[in-house]
Amino acid sequence: MSLLTILLNILLPPLAVFLKHGLGTTFLISLILTLIGWLPGVIHAFIVNK
């Protein structure tokens, strides 16, 4: 995982997931989790972007 990916996972989780996986269910889940709370979005982004 690159430094840029790590920073995006922390600052903008949906963007990090989008850049890695494109538009799809993974992106939508990340977006919903980030809207619910920032921390669930970050955790999901780190798990998905291993």
C-alpha atoms as a PDB file:
ATOM      1  CA  MET A   1       0.000   0.000   0.000  1.00  0.00           C
ATOM      2  CA  SER A   2       1.452   3.343  -1.023  1.00  0.00           C
ATOM      3  CA  LEU A   3       1.699   6.440   1.134  1.00  0.00           C
ATOM      4  CA  LEU A   4      -0.875   8.191  -1.055  1.00  0.00           C
ATOM      5  CA  THR A   5      -3.370   5.362  -0.530  1.00  0.00           C
ATOM      6  CA  ILE A   6      -2.849   5.479   3.225  1.00  0.00           C
ATOM      7  CA  LEU A   7      -3.416   9.247   3.315  1.00  0.00           C
ATOM      8  CA  LEU A   8      -6.539   8.972   1.180  1.00  0.00           C
ATOM      9  CA  ASN A   9      -7.834   6.126   3.349  1.00  0.00           C
ATOM     10  CA  ILE A  10      -7.596   8.438   6.338  1.00  0.00           C
ATOM     11  CA  LEU A  11      -8.698  11.745   4.811  1.00  0.00           C
ATOM     12  CA  LEU A  12     -11.190  10.717   2.096  1.00  0.00           C
ATOM     13  CA  PRO A  13     -12.099   7.030   2.389  1.00  0.00           C
ATOM     14  CA  PRO A  14     -14.633   6.926  -0.485  1.00  0.00           C
ATOM     15  CA  LEU A  15     -12.123   8.511  -2.868  1.00  0.00           C
ATOM     16  CA  ALA A  16      -9.481   5.942  -1.944  1.00  0.00           C
ATOM     17  CA  VAL A  17     -11.921   3.101  -2.564  1.00  0.00           C
ATOM     18  CA  PHE A  18     -13.069   4.661  -5.844  1.00  0.00           C
ATOM     19  CA  LEU A  19      -9.509   4.991  -7.152  1.00  0.00           C
ATOM     20  CA  LYS A  20      -8.770   1.350  -6.321  1.00  0.00           C
ATOM     21  CA  HIS A  21     -12.091  -0.331  -7.273  1.00  0.00           C
ATOM     22  CA  GLY A  22     -14.135   2.164  -9.327  1.00  0.00           C
ATOM     23  CA  LEU A  23     -17.841   2.770  -8.981  1.00  0.00           C
ATOM     24  CA  GLY A  24     -19.650  -0.202  -7.546  1.00  0.00           C
ATOM     25  CA  THR A  25     -20.994  -1.686  -4.377  1.00  0.00           C
ATOM     26  CA  THR A  26     -17.678  -1.337  -2.547  1.00  0.00           C
ATOM     27  CA  PHE A  27     -17.669   2.404  -3.242  1.00  0.00           C
ATOM     28  CA  LEU A  28     -21.293   2.789  -2.168  1.00  0.00           C
ATOM     29  CA  ILE A  29     -20.667   0.918   1.084  1.00  0.00           C
ATOM     30  CA  SER A  30     -17.661   3.128   1.766  1.00  0.00           C
ATOM     31  CA  LEU A  31     -19.664   6.268   1.033  1.00  0.00           C
ATOM     32  CA  ILE A  32     -22.534   5.218   3.316  1.00  0.00           C
ATOM     33  CA  LEU A  33     -20.186   4.251   6.148  1.00  0.00           C
ATOM     34  CA  THR A  34     -18.338   7.553   5.833  1.00  0.00           C
ATOM     35  CA  LEU A  35     -21.611   9.492   5.934  1.00  0.00           C
ATOM     36  CA  ILE A  36     -22.715   7.577   9.042  1.00  0.00           C
ATOM     37  CA  GLY A  37     -19.417   8.243  10.740  1.00  0.00           C
ATOM     38  CA  TRP A  38     -15.903   8.983   9.598  1.00  0.00           C
ATOM     39  CA  LEU A  39     -14.240   6.136  11.511  1.00  0.00           C
ATOM     40  CA  PRO A  40     -16.328   3.290  10.009  1.00  0.00           C
ATOM     41  CA  GLY A  41     -15.483   4.636   6.555  1.00  0.00           C
ATOM     42  CA  VAL A  42     -11.777   4.690   7.351  1.00  0.00           C
ATOM     43  CA  ILE A  43     -11.828   1.159   8.745  1.00  0.00           C
ATOM     44  CA  HIS A  44     -13.687  -0.106   5.667  1.00  0.00           C
ATOM     45  CA  ALA A  45     -11.254   1.664   3.322  1.00  0.00           C
ATOM     46  CA  PHE A  46      -8.252   0.076   5.024  1.00  0.00           C
ATOM     47  CA  ILE A  47      -9.832  -3.388   4.904  1.00  0.00           C
ATOM     48  CA  VAL A  48     -10.843  -3.099   1.235  1.00  0.00           C
ATOM     49  CA  ASN A  49      -7.582  -1.500   0.048  1.00  0.00           C
ATOM     50  CA  LYS A  50      -5.153  -4.015   1.534  1.00  0.00           C
END
